[in-house]
Amino acid sequence: MTHEEVDGGTSSGEETEEILIHSADQLENYAKTEEAKVEELIKAVANSGAKVIVSGAAVGEMALHFYERYKYITFYCVFLLINLLIFKTYL
């Protein structure tokens, strides 16, 4: 199992399985950094002009918060996505 030390909230946990946090300040900085990254991604989608998000995987609470802030309609439909892909292949 890999791990990474969080130093001042500049690390990303996306590429590792475990993050070691040794103080409350590190935890707070990490949470702020992750929140900023999620907002940045969703803001980029908003700037593209999209109004609806269709997800083939579960959507996290933080992402849902920002989807709501940017007035998105969000769908979580694995079967819908599979059916659309199958339907598209027969067109």
PDB file of N, CA and C in Angstrom:
ATOM      1  N   MET A   1       0.846  -1.174   0.000  1.00  0.00           N
ATOM      2  CA  MET A   1       0.000   0.000   0.000  1.00  0.00           C
ATOM      3  C   MET A   1       0.889   1.233   0.000  1.00  0.00           C
ATOM      4  N   THR A   2       0.557   2.179  -0.838  1.00  0.00           N
ATOM      5  CA  THR A   2       1.339   3.404  -0.875  1.00  0.00           C
ATOM      6  C   THR A   2       0.735   4.422   0.083  1.00  0.00           C
ATOM      7  N   HIS A   3       1.517   5.426   0.422  1.00  0.00           N
ATOM      8  CA  HIS A   3       1.013   6.506   1.266  1.00  0.00           C
ATOM      9  C   HIS A   3       1.746   7.789   0.918  1.00  0.00           C
ATOM     10  N   GLU A   4       1.172   8.868   1.365  1.00  0.00           N
ATOM     11  CA  GLU A   4       1.836  10.150   1.147  1.00  0.00           C
ATOM     12  C   GLU A   4       1.658  10.996   2.392  1.00  0.00           C
ATOM     13  N   GLU A   5       2.654  11.783   2.671  1.00  0.00           N
ATOM     14  CA  GLU A   5       2.603  12.704   3.795  1.00  0.00           C
ATOM     15  C   GLU A   5       1.994  14.007   3.321  1.00  0.00           C
ATOM     16  N   VAL A   6       1.037  14.525   4.055  1.00  0.00           N
ATOM     17  CA  VAL A   6       0.427  15.792   3.701  1.00  0.00           C
ATOM     18  C   VAL A   6       1.232  16.889   4.364  1.00  0.00           C
ATOM     19  N   ASP A   7       1.735  17.820   3.558  1.00  0.00           N
ATOM     20  CA  ASP A   7       2.552  18.901   4.075  1.00  0.00           C
ATOM     21  C   ASP A   7       1.956  20.223   3.636  1.00  0.00           C
ATOM     22  N   GLY A   8       1.235  20.861   4.515  1.00  0.00           N
ATOM     23  CA  GLY A   8       0.684  22.174   4.199  1.00  0.00           C
ATOM     24  C   GLY A   8      -0.481  22.129   3.234  1.00  0.00           C
ATOM     25  N   GLY A   9      -1.088  20.989   3.027  1.00  0.00           N
ATOM     26  CA  GLY A   9      -2.273  20.898   2.188  1.00  0.00           C
ATOM     27  C   GLY A   9      -2.007  20.951   0.700  1.00  0.00           C
ATOM     28  N   THR A  10      -0.781  20.717   0.278  1.00  0.00           N
ATOM     29  CA  THR A  10      -0.475  20.825  -1.146  1.00  0.00           C
ATOM     30  C   THR A  10      -0.537  19.486  -1.859  1.00  0.00           C
ATOM     31  N   SER A  11      -0.825  18.411  -1.141  1.00  0.00           N
ATOM     32  CA  SER A  11      -0.823  17.088  -1.745  1.00  0.00           C
ATOM     33  C   SER A  11      -2.208  16.708  -2.236  1.00  0.00           C
ATOM     34  N   SER A  12      -2.237  15.805  -3.201  1.00  0.00           N
ATOM     35  CA  SER A  12      -3.493  15.280  -3.714  1.00  0.00           C
ATOM     36  C   SER A  12      -3.572  13.799  -3.405  1.00  0.00           C
ATOM     37  N   GLY A  13      -4.700  13.343  -2.883  1.00  0.00           N
ATOM     38  CA  GLY A  13      -4.872  11.946  -2.542  1.00  0.00           C
ATOM     39  C   GLY A  13      -5.375  11.101  -3.687  1.00  0.00           C
ATOM     40  N   GLU A  14      -5.561  11.671  -4.866  1.00  0.00           N
ATOM     41  CA  GLU A  14      -6.124  10.928  -5.979  1.00  0.00           C
ATOM     42  C   GLU A  14      -5.238   9.782  -6.435  1.00  0.00           C
ATOM     43  N   GLU A  15      -3.934   9.937  -6.383  1.00  0.00           N
ATOM     44  CA  GLU A  15      -3.050   8.918  -6.910  1.00  0.00           C
ATOM     45  C   GLU A  15      -2.527   7.972  -5.838  1.00  0.00           C
ATOM     46  N   THR A  16      -2.989   8.082  -4.613  1.00  0.00           N
ATOM     47  CA  THR A  16      -2.523   7.198  -3.557  1.00  0.00           C
ATOM     48  C   THR A  16      -3.708   6.568  -2.833  1.00  0.00           C
ATOM     49  N   GLU A  17      -3.404   5.532  -2.067  1.00  0.00           N
ATOM     50  CA  GLU A  17      -4.436   4.834  -1.318  1.00  0.00           C
ATOM     51  C   GLU A  17      -4.580   5.361   0.099  1.00  0.00           C
ATOM     52  N   GLU A  18      -3.545   5.948   0.631  1.00  0.00           N
ATOM     53  CA  GLU A  18      -3.558   6.359   2.027  1.00  0.00           C
ATOM     54  C   GLU A  18      -2.852   7.697   2.171  1.00  0.00           C
ATOM     55  N   ILE A  19      -3.393   8.552   3.004  1.00  0.00           N
ATOM     56  CA  ILE A  19      -2.783   9.847   3.270  1.00  0.00           C
ATOM     57  C   ILE A  19      -2.574   9.958   4.771  1.00  0.00           C
ATOM     58  N   LEU A  20      -1.365  10.258   5.167  1.00  0.00           N
ATOM     59  CA  LEU A  20      -1.052  10.389   6.586  1.00  0.00           C
ATOM     60  C   LEU A  20      -1.143  11.850   6.993  1.00  0.00           C
ATOM     61  N   ILE A  21      -1.989  12.125   7.940  1.00  0.00           N
ATOM     62  CA  ILE A  21      -2.167  13.482   8.440  1.00  0.00           C
ATOM     63  C   ILE A  21      -1.822  13.460   9.924  1.00  0.00           C
ATOM     64  N   HIS A  22      -0.939  14.366  10.320  1.00  0.00           N
ATOM     65  CA  HIS A  22      -0.420  14.337  11.679  1.00  0.00           C
ATOM     66  C   HIS A  22      -0.937  15.454  12.580  1.00  0.00           C
ATOM     67  N   SER A  23      -1.695  16.396  12.012  1.00  0.00           N
ATOM     68  CA  SER A  23      -2.191  17.489  12.850  1.00  0.00           C
ATOM     69  C   SER A  23      -3.515  18.008  12.299  1.00  0.00           C
ATOM     70  N   ALA A  24      -4.208  18.744  13.133  1.00  0.00           N
ATOM     71  CA  ALA A  24      -5.485  19.338  12.728  1.00  0.00           C
ATOM     72  C   ALA A  24      -5.277  20.347  11.604  1.00  0.00           C
ATOM     73  N   ASP A  25      -4.169  21.072  11.640  1.00  0.00           N
ATOM     74  CA  ASP A  25      -3.881  22.044  10.578  1.00  0.00           C
ATOM     75  C   ASP A  25      -3.698  21.357   9.235  1.00  0.00           C
ATOM     76  N   GLN A  26      -3.005  20.221   9.229  1.00  0.00           N
ATOM     77  CA  GLN A  26      -2.827  19.474   7.984  1.00  0.00           C
ATOM     78  C   GLN A  26      -4.170  18.980   7.454  1.00  0.00           C
ATOM     79  N   LEU A  27      -5.032  18.516   8.337  1.00  0.00           N
ATOM     80  CA  LEU A  27      -6.354  18.048   7.921  1.00  0.00           C
ATOM     81  C   LEU A  27      -7.168  19.186   7.331  1.00  0.00           C
ATOM     82  N   GLU A  28      -7.145  20.322   7.966  1.00  0.00           N
ATOM     83  CA  GLU A  28      -7.889  21.482   7.476  1.00  0.00           C
ATOM     84  C   GLU A  28      -7.348  21.944   6.119  1.00  0.00           C
ATOM     85  N   ASN A  29      -6.039  22.009   5.980  1.00  0.00           N
ATOM     86  CA  ASN A  29      -5.438  22.418   4.710  1.00  0.00           C
ATOM     87  C   ASN A  29      -5.746  21.420   3.604  1.00  0.00           C
ATOM     88  N   TYR A  30      -5.709  20.136   3.924  1.00  0.00           N
ATOM     89  CA  TYR A  30      -6.014  19.108   2.937  1.00  0.00           C
ATOM     90  C   TYR A  30      -7.467  19.243   2.470  1.00  0.00           C
ATOM     91  N   ALA A  31      -8.385  19.423   3.400  1.00  0.00           N
ATOM     92  CA  ALA A  31      -9.802  19.555   3.056  1.00  0.00           C
ATOM     93  C   ALA A  31     -10.035  20.782   2.169  1.00  0.00           C
ATOM     94  N   LYS A  32      -9.394  21.891   2.494  1.00  0.00           N
ATOM     95  CA  LYS A  32      -9.540  23.107   1.683  1.00  0.00           C
ATOM     96  C   LYS A  32      -8.989  22.907   0.275  1.00  0.00           C
ATOM     97  N   THR A  33      -7.860  22.221   0.186  1.00  0.00           N
ATOM     98  CA  THR A  33      -7.244  21.967  -1.119  1.00  0.00           C
ATOM     99  C   THR A  33      -8.137  21.074  -1.973  1.00  0.00           C
ATOM    100  N   GLU A  34      -8.669  20.019  -1.386  1.00  0.00           N
ATOM    101  CA  GLU A  34      -9.548  19.117  -2.129  1.00  0.00           C
ATOM    102  C   GLU A  34     -10.822  19.838  -2.562  1.00  0.00           C
ATOM    103  N   GLU A  35     -11.369  20.669  -1.697  1.00  0.00           N
ATOM    104  CA  GLU A  35     -12.572  21.441  -2.043  1.00  0.00           C
ATOM    105  C   GLU A  35     -12.290  22.379  -3.206  1.00  0.00           C
ATOM    106  N   ALA A  36     -11.150  23.040  -3.178  1.00  0.00           N
ATOM    107  CA  ALA A  36     -10.783  23.959  -4.261  1.00  0.00           C
ATOM    108  C   ALA A  36     -10.620  23.225  -5.583  1.00  0.00           C
ATOM    109  N   LYS A  37     -10.049  22.018  -5.545  1.00  0.00           N
ATOM    110  CA  LYS A  37      -9.862  21.230  -6.769  1.00  0.00           C
ATOM    111  C   LYS A  37     -11.201  20.807  -7.364  1.00  0.00           C
ATOM    112  N   VAL A  38     -12.117  20.366  -6.517  1.00  0.00           N
ATOM    113  CA  VAL A  38     -13.435  19.957  -7.003  1.00  0.00           C
ATOM    114  C   VAL A  38     -14.165  21.151  -7.605  1.00  0.00           C
ATOM    115  N   GLU A  39     -14.116  22.284  -6.911  1.00  0.00           N
ATOM    116  CA  GLU A  39     -14.782  23.473  -7.443  1.00  0.00           C
ATOM    117  C   GLU A  39     -14.163  23.910  -8.763  1.00  0.00           C
ATOM    118  N   GLU A  40     -12.863  23.848  -8.870  1.00  0.00           N
ATOM    119  CA  GLU A  40     -12.180  24.226 -10.110  1.00  0.00           C
ATOM    120  C   GLU A  40     -12.647  23.368 -11.288  1.00  0.00           C
ATOM    121  N   LEU A  41     -12.757  22.066 -11.070  1.00  0.00           N
ATOM    122  CA  LEU A  41     -13.221  21.158 -12.126  1.00  0.00           C
ATOM    123  C   LEU A  41     -14.658  21.464 -12.543  1.00  0.00           C
ATOM    124  N   ILE A  42     -15.527  21.658 -11.567  1.00  0.00           N
ATOM    125  CA  ILE A  42     -16.937  21.909 -11.869  1.00  0.00           C
ATOM    126  C   ILE A  42     -17.117  23.283 -12.495  1.00  0.00           C
ATOM    127  N   LYS A  43     -16.334  24.244 -12.057  1.00  0.00           N
ATOM    128  CA  LYS A  43     -16.390  25.584 -12.650  1.00  0.00           C
ATOM    129  C   LYS A  43     -15.957  25.538 -14.119  1.00  0.00           C
ATOM    130  N   ALA A  44     -14.964  24.714 -14.442  1.00  0.00           N
ATOM    131  CA  ALA A  44     -14.524  24.572 -15.835  1.00  0.00           C
ATOM    132  C   ALA A  44     -15.638  23.995 -16.698  1.00  0.00           C
ATOM    133  N   VAL A  45     -16.373  23.031 -16.167  1.00  0.00           N
ATOM    134  CA  VAL A  45     -17.510  22.473 -16.905  1.00  0.00           C
ATOM    135  C   VAL A  45     -18.583  23.544 -17.077  1.00  0.00           C
ATOM    136  N   ALA A  46     -18.835  24.320 -16.030  1.00  0.00           N
ATOM    137  CA  ALA A  46     -19.832  25.402 -16.110  1.00  0.00           C
ATOM    138  C   ALA A  46     -19.443  26.420 -17.167  1.00  0.00           C
ATOM    139  N   ASN A  47     -18.172  26.740 -17.249  1.00  0.00           N
ATOM    140  CA  ASN A  47     -17.691  27.709 -18.241  1.00  0.00           C
ATOM    141  C   ASN A  47     -17.803  27.173 -19.666  1.00  0.00           C
ATOM    142  N   SER A  48     -17.913  25.852 -19.808  1.00  0.00           N
ATOM    143  CA  SER A  48     -18.067  25.269 -21.137  1.00  0.00           C
ATOM    144  C   SER A  48     -19.481  25.426 -21.677  1.00  0.00           C
ATOM    145  N   GLY A  49     -20.423  25.769 -20.800  1.00  0.00           N
ATOM    146  CA  GLY A  49     -21.805  25.966 -21.217  1.00  0.00           C
ATOM    147  C   GLY A  49     -22.717  24.796 -20.921  1.00  0.00           C
ATOM    148  N   ALA A  50     -22.197  23.724 -20.357  1.00  0.00           N
ATOM    149  CA  ALA A  50     -23.028  22.555 -20.030  1.00  0.00           C
ATOM    150  C   ALA A  50     -24.024  22.915 -18.934  1.00  0.00           C
ATOM    151  N   LYS A  51     -25.205  22.312 -18.997  1.00  0.00           N
ATOM    152  CA  LYS A  51     -26.242  22.554 -17.987  1.00  0.00           C
ATOM    153  C   LYS A  51     -26.687  21.289 -17.277  1.00  0.00           C
ATOM    154  N   VAL A  52     -26.323  20.132 -17.814  1.00  0.00           N
ATOM    155  CA  VAL A  52     -26.742  18.852 -17.245  1.00  0.00           C
ATOM    156  C   VAL A  52     -25.519  17.968 -17.078  1.00  0.00           C
ATOM    157  N   ILE A  53     -25.429  17.284 -15.939  1.00  0.00           N
ATOM    158  CA  ILE A  53     -24.361  16.333 -15.671  1.00  0.00           C
ATOM    159  C   ILE A  53     -24.995  14.948 -15.606  1.00  0.00           C
ATOM    160  N   VAL A  54     -24.495  14.018 -16.410  1.00  0.00           N
ATOM    161  CA  VAL A  54     -24.932  12.626 -16.352  1.00  0.00           C
ATOM    162  C   VAL A  54     -23.727  11.813 -15.926  1.00  0.00           C
ATOM    163  N   SER A  55     -23.859  11.135 -14.810  1.00  0.00           N
ATOM    164  CA  SER A  55     -22.735  10.404 -14.239  1.00  0.00           C
ATOM    165  C   SER A  55     -22.984   8.908 -14.308  1.00  0.00           C
ATOM    166  N   GLY A  56     -21.955   8.169 -14.654  1.00  0.00           N
ATOM    167  CA  GLY A  56     -22.025   6.720 -14.662  1.00  0.00           C
ATOM    168  C   GLY A  56     -21.484   6.121 -13.381  1.00  0.00           C
ATOM    169  N   ALA A  57     -21.150   6.965 -12.424  1.00  0.00           N
ATOM    170  CA  ALA A  57     -20.641   6.507 -11.127  1.00  0.00           C
ATOM    171  C   ALA A  57     -21.259   7.373 -10.036  1.00  0.00           C
ATOM    172  N   ALA A  58     -21.116   6.941  -8.814  1.00  0.00           N
ATOM    173  CA  ALA A  58     -21.658   7.697  -7.695  1.00  0.00           C
ATOM    174  C   ALA A  58     -21.035   9.094  -7.657  1.00  0.00           C
ATOM    175  N   VAL A  59     -21.813  10.063  -7.213  1.00  0.00           N
ATOM    176  CA  VAL A  59     -21.351  11.445  -7.129  1.00  0.00           C
ATOM    177  C   VAL A  59     -21.170  11.789  -5.655  1.00  0.00           C
ATOM    178  N   GLY A  60     -19.997  12.303  -5.293  1.00  0.00           N
ATOM    179  CA  GLY A  60     -19.701  12.637  -3.907  1.00  0.00           C
ATOM    180  C   GLY A  60     -20.456  13.852  -3.413  1.00  0.00           C
ATOM    181  N   GLU A  61     -20.548  13.970  -2.111  1.00  0.00           N
ATOM    182  CA  GLU A  61     -21.276  15.076  -1.488  1.00  0.00           C
ATOM    183  C   GLU A  61     -20.704  16.439  -1.864  1.00  0.00           C
ATOM    184  N   MET A  62     -19.382  16.536  -1.915  1.00  0.00           N
ATOM    185  CA  MET A  62     -18.774  17.817  -2.255  1.00  0.00           C
ATOM    186  C   MET A  62     -19.100  18.205  -3.691  1.00  0.00           C
ATOM    187  N   ALA A  63     -19.041  17.242  -4.603  1.00  0.00           N
ATOM    188  CA  ALA A  63     -19.380  17.515  -5.992  1.00  0.00           C
ATOM    189  C   ALA A  63     -20.847  17.932  -6.103  1.00  0.00           C
ATOM    190  N   LEU A  64     -21.727  17.245  -5.383  1.00  0.00           N
ATOM    191  CA  LEU A  64     -23.143  17.623  -5.407  1.00  0.00           C
ATOM    192  C   LEU A  64     -23.353  19.048  -4.917  1.00  0.00           C
ATOM    193  N   HIS A  65     -22.600  19.433  -3.909  1.00  0.00           N
ATOM    194  CA  HIS A  65     -22.680  20.808  -3.383  1.00  0.00           C
ATOM    195  C   HIS A  65     -22.354  21.819  -4.491  1.00  0.00           C
ATOM    196  N   PHE A  66     -21.274  21.573  -5.225  1.00  0.00           N
ATOM    197  CA  PHE A  66     -20.892  22.514  -6.272  1.00  0.00           C
ATOM    198  C   PHE A  66     -21.805  22.415  -7.492  1.00  0.00           C
ATOM    199  N   TYR A  67     -22.318  21.234  -7.796  1.00  0.00           N
ATOM    200  CA  TYR A  67     -23.297  21.119  -8.883  1.00  0.00           C
ATOM    201  C   TYR A  67     -24.503  21.997  -8.571  1.00  0.00           C
ATOM    202  N   GLU A  68     -24.951  21.951  -7.330  1.00  0.00           N
ATOM    203  CA  GLU A  68     -26.087  22.773  -6.927  1.00  0.00           C
ATOM    204  C   GLU A  68     -25.739  24.259  -6.982  1.00  0.00           C
ATOM    205  N   ARG A  69     -24.552  24.612  -6.548  1.00  0.00           N
ATOM    206  CA  ARG A  69     -24.127  26.013  -6.571  1.00  0.00           C
ATOM    207  C   ARG A  69     -24.128  26.573  -7.997  1.00  0.00           C
ATOM    208  N   TYR A  70     -23.704  25.750  -8.957  1.00  0.00           N
ATOM    209  CA  TYR A  70     -23.647  26.190 -10.354  1.00  0.00           C
ATOM    210  C   TYR A  70     -24.913  25.845 -11.135  1.00  0.00           C
ATOM    211  N   LYS A  71     -25.972  25.461 -10.408  1.00  0.00           N
ATOM    212  CA  LYS A  71     -27.305  25.237 -10.988  1.00  0.00           C
ATOM    213  C   LYS A  71     -27.338  24.108 -12.015  1.00  0.00           C
ATOM    214  N   TYR A  72     -26.664  23.008 -11.720  1.00  0.00           N
ATOM    215  CA  TYR A  72     -26.673  21.857 -12.607  1.00  0.00           C
ATOM    216  C   TYR A  72     -27.826  20.920 -12.274  1.00  0.00           C
ATOM    217  N   ILE A  73     -28.305  20.246 -13.295  1.00  0.00           N
ATOM    218  CA  ILE A  73     -29.175  19.095 -13.105  1.00  0.00           C
ATOM    219  C   ILE A  73     -28.241  17.900 -13.175  1.00  0.00           C
ATOM    220  N   THR A  74     -28.313  17.012 -12.188  1.00  0.00           N
ATOM    221  CA  THR A  74     -27.383  15.888 -12.113  1.00  0.00           C
ATOM    222  C   THR A  74     -28.137  14.568 -12.130  1.00  0.00           C
ATOM    223  N   PHE A  75     -27.708  13.658 -12.986  1.00  0.00           N
ATOM    224  CA  PHE A  75     -28.286  12.327 -13.075  1.00  0.00           C
ATOM    225  C   PHE A  75     -27.204  11.296 -12.815  1.00  0.00           C
ATOM    226  N   TYR A  76     -27.561  10.281 -12.087  1.00  0.00           N
ATOM    227  CA  TYR A  76     -26.678   9.133 -11.859  1.00  0.00           C
ATOM    228  C   TYR A  76     -27.398   7.920 -12.430  1.00  0.00           C
ATOM    229  N   CYS A  77     -27.010   7.517 -13.611  1.00  0.00           N
ATOM    230  CA  CYS A  77     -27.727   6.454 -14.316  1.00  0.00           C
ATOM    231  C   CYS A  77     -26.762   5.549 -15.047  1.00  0.00           C
ATOM    232  N   VAL A  78     -26.320   4.510 -14.413  1.00  0.00           N
ATOM    233  CA  VAL A  78     -25.423   3.576 -15.071  1.00  0.00           C
ATOM    234  C   VAL A  78     -26.141   2.888 -16.216  1.00  0.00           C
ATOM    235  N   PHE A  79     -27.341   2.403 -15.977  1.00  0.00           N
ATOM    236  CA  PHE A  79     -28.068   1.678 -17.014  1.00  0.00           C
ATOM    237  C   PHE A  79     -28.439   2.595 -18.172  1.00  0.00           C
ATOM    238  N   LEU A  80     -28.745   3.847 -17.900  1.00  0.00           N
ATOM    239  CA  LEU A  80     -29.052   4.805 -18.962  1.00  0.00           C
ATOM    240  C   LEU A  80     -27.848   4.976 -19.871  1.00  0.00           C
ATOM    241  N   LEU A  81     -26.675   5.118 -19.301  1.00  0.00           N
ATOM    242  CA  LEU A  81     -25.470   5.288 -20.107  1.00  0.00           C
ATOM    243  C   LEU A  81     -25.193   4.051 -20.958  1.00  0.00           C
ATOM    244  N   ILE A  82     -25.355   2.888 -20.380  1.00  0.00           N
ATOM    245  CA  ILE A  82     -25.124   1.661 -21.138  1.00  0.00           C
ATOM    246  C   ILE A  82     -26.122   1.558 -22.284  1.00  0.00           C
ATOM    247  N   ASN A  83     -27.395   1.849 -22.011  1.00  0.00           N
ATOM    248  CA  ASN A  83     -28.415   1.794 -23.054  1.00  0.00           C
ATOM    249  C   ASN A  83     -28.146   2.812 -24.151  1.00  0.00           C
ATOM    250  N   LEU A  84     -27.694   4.000 -23.785  1.00  0.00           N
ATOM    251  CA  LEU A  84     -27.385   5.011 -24.800  1.00  0.00           C
ATOM    252  C   LEU A  84     -26.233   4.548 -25.682  1.00  0.00           C
ATOM    253  N   LEU A  85     -25.223   3.949 -25.090  1.00  0.00           N
ATOM    254  CA  LEU A  85     -24.088   3.462 -25.877  1.00  0.00           C
ATOM    255  C   LEU A  85     -24.518   2.339 -26.806  1.00  0.00           C
ATOM    256  N   ILE A  86     -25.357   1.438 -26.324  1.00  0.00           N
ATOM    257  CA  ILE A  86     -25.845   0.342 -27.175  1.00  0.00           C
ATOM    258  C   ILE A  86     -26.711   0.909 -28.287  1.00  0.00           C
ATOM    259  N   PHE A  87     -27.601   1.825 -27.948  1.00  0.00           N
ATOM    260  CA  PHE A  87     -28.488   2.429 -28.947  1.00  0.00           C
ATOM    261  C   PHE A  87     -27.683   3.162 -30.020  1.00  0.00           C
ATOM    262  N   LYS A  88     -26.651   3.877 -29.595  1.00  0.00           N
ATOM    263  CA  LYS A  88     -25.822   4.635 -30.520  1.00  0.00           C
ATOM    264  C   LYS A  88     -25.122   3.723 -31.528  1.00  0.00           C
ATOM    265  N   THR A  89     -24.747   2.533 -31.095  1.00  0.00           N
ATOM    266  CA  THR A  89     -24.054   1.614 -32.001  1.00  0.00           C
ATOM    267  C   THR A  89     -24.981   1.088 -33.090  1.00  0.00           C
ATOM    268  N   TYR A  90     -26.293   1.123 -32.864  1.00  0.00           N
ATOM    269  CA  TYR A  90     -27.252   0.625 -33.853  1.00  0.00           C
ATOM    270  C   TYR A  90     -27.808   1.721 -34.747  1.00  0.00           C
ATOM    271  N   LEU A  91     -27.388   2.957 -34.586  1.00  0.00           N
ATOM    272  CA  LEU A  91     -27.874   4.058 -35.442  1.00  0.00           C
ATOM    273  C   LEU A  91     -27.160   4.117 -36.749  1.00  0.00           C
TER     274      LEU A  91
END
